[in-house]
Structures are given as structure tokens and as C-alpha cells.
Protein backbone atom coordinates (compact mmCIF):
# COMPACT_ATOMS: atom_id res chain seq x y z
CA MET A 1 0.72 1.83 -16.77
CA PRO A 2 -0.50 5.19 -17.16
CA PRO A 3 1.66 8.19 -16.00
CA GLU A 4 -0.74 9.48 -13.38
CA GLN A 5 -1.23 5.44 -11.97
CA ARG A 6 2.14 5.55 -11.67
CA ALA A 7 2.72 9.14 -9.91
CA GLN A 8 0.23 7.87 -7.95
CA ILE A 9 1.47 4.31 -6.70
CA SER A 10 5.13 6.16 -6.32
CA SER A 11 3.71 8.72 -4.08
CA LEU A 12 2.27 6.06 -1.60
CA VAL A 13 5.01 4.47 -1.69
CA ASP A 14 7.41 7.43 -0.87
CA GLY A 15 4.83 8.43 2.20
CA ALA A 16 5.95 4.84 3.15
CA GLN A 17 9.32 5.38 3.57
CA GLU A 18 9.16 8.88 4.81
CA GLN A 19 6.94 7.51 7.58
CA LEU A 20 9.77 4.84 7.95
CA ILE A 21 12.90 7.32 7.84
CA GLN A 22 10.91 8.69 11.19
CA LEU A 23 11.51 5.57 13.43
CA ARG A 24 14.94 6.69 13.41
CA GLY A 25 14.30 9.43 16.23
CA ALA A 26 11.42 7.26 17.83
CA GLN A 27 13.79 6.17 20.26
CA THR A 28 14.00 8.22 23.42
CA GLY A 29 11.08 8.36 26.07
CA SER A 30 9.38 5.25 27.89
CA SER A 31 9.00 1.97 26.45
CA ALA A 32 5.36 2.44 26.38
CA ASP A 33 5.66 5.53 24.83
CA VAL A 34 8.36 4.59 21.78
CA SER A 35 6.16 1.59 21.54
CA GLN A 36 3.14 3.51 20.97
CA HIS A 37 4.66 5.56 18.48
CA LEU A 38 6.79 2.90 16.46
CA LEU A 39 3.59 1.07 16.15
CA ARG A 40 1.66 4.21 15.16
CA ILE A 41 4.19 4.90 11.84
CA LEU A 42 4.36 1.18 11.61
CA SER A 43 0.77 1.28 11.06
CA HIS A 44 0.66 3.95 8.24
CA SER A 45 3.50 3.18 6.69
CA ALA A 46 1.47 -0.38 6.25
CA ASP A 47 -1.53 0.96 5.05
CA LEU A 48 0.56 3.21 2.70
CA ILE A 49 2.01 0.13 1.09
CA GLU A 50 -1.10 -1.74 1.33
CA LYS A 51 -2.80 1.31 -1.41
CA ALA A 52 0.33 0.98 -3.29
CA LEU A 53 -0.07 -2.97 -3.48
CA GLN A 54 -3.78 -2.39 -4.58
CA HIS A 55 -2.98 0.34 -6.96
CA THR A 56 -0.40 -1.67 -8.82
CA VAL A 57 -2.88 -4.88 -8.70
CA VAL A 58 -5.35 -3.12 -10.39
CA ALA A 59 -2.94 -1.41 -13.05
CA ALA A 60 -1.84 -5.09 -13.76
CA VAL A 61 -5.22 -5.98 -14.22
CA ASN A 62 -6.26 -3.25 -16.42
CA ALA A 63 -3.27 -3.66 -18.70
CA GLY A 64 -4.47 -7.23 -19.66
CA VAL A 65 -2.48 -9.26 -16.93
CA PRO A 66 -4.09 -12.36 -15.68
CA PRO A 67 -5.41 -12.20 -12.22
CA GLN A 68 -3.98 -15.42 -10.97
CA ASP A 69 -0.73 -14.12 -11.98
CA VAL A 70 -1.46 -11.05 -9.81
CA VAL A 71 -2.28 -13.31 -7.47
CA ARG A 72 0.64 -15.18 -7.72
CA TRP A 73 3.16 -11.99 -8.05
CA ALA A 74 1.61 -10.04 -5.33
CA LYS A 75 1.48 -12.98 -2.78
CA LEU A 76 -2.23 -12.51 -2.17
CA PRO A 77 -5.08 -14.75 -1.37
CA PRO A 78 -7.48 -14.23 -4.06
CA GLY A 79 -9.99 -12.63 -1.39
CA PRO A 80 -7.77 -9.54 -0.91
CA LEU A 81 -7.44 -9.15 -4.92
CA ALA A 82 -11.22 -8.87 -5.44
CA ASP A 83 -11.01 -6.13 -2.13
CA ALA A 84 -8.37 -4.20 -4.36
CA LEU A 85 -10.06 -4.79 -7.71
CA LYS A 86 -13.75 -3.71 -6.21
CA ALA A 87 -12.46 -0.61 -4.39
CA TYR A 88 -10.87 0.75 -7.53
CA GLN A 89 -14.72 0.14 -9.40
CA ASP A 90 -16.45 1.82 -6.63
CA ALA A 91 -13.88 4.52 -6.49
CA GLY A 92 -14.62 5.13 -10.39
CA ASP A 93 -18.55 5.19 -10.10
CA GLY A 94 -18.04 7.80 -6.88
């Protein structure tokens, strides 16, 4: 995997980790406020992890790993794998 891709994936994972660390201090206020804050942080973290997964999927396929192996390893149905590859191709076209 090229160092640029590795750095980008690491950055996404680090960002998710930072978001999740913030959960520790998010337990003051009303139940509704705390729940809203927790859900926002978890949602953002999930988005970052999803992006890291997509980048890793693309890197694996580009490295010659058969897509069916990537699907099995990432526990993805074929649709999200195709979406990840298409998103990557679209970004490269722009």
C-alpha cells in the first residue's frame, strides 16, 4: 500500500479515536442533551471508520486482492464494496 494511502487511512482512524475519547467527558447535563451529544460523536466516528474501511478496500483491490476476498475480510455485502470502489473512481475522475 502506498504511504499516502496508509497515512490517509491512519488519519481517519485517528480522527475516529479522538472522537470516541470525547465520549468520556460527555456525561453531564440532561439525559436528552447527553444522548444527543453521544449520538453525534458516535455518528461522526462511524463515518470516519466507514471512510477508512472504504479506503482500505480500494487499496486491497488495487493491490490485486480479489474483490470476493475483500468482501469476506471486511464483512461487506457486495453492494457496499461496489459503492466504495465507485466512490474512489469518481474521486479520481474529479
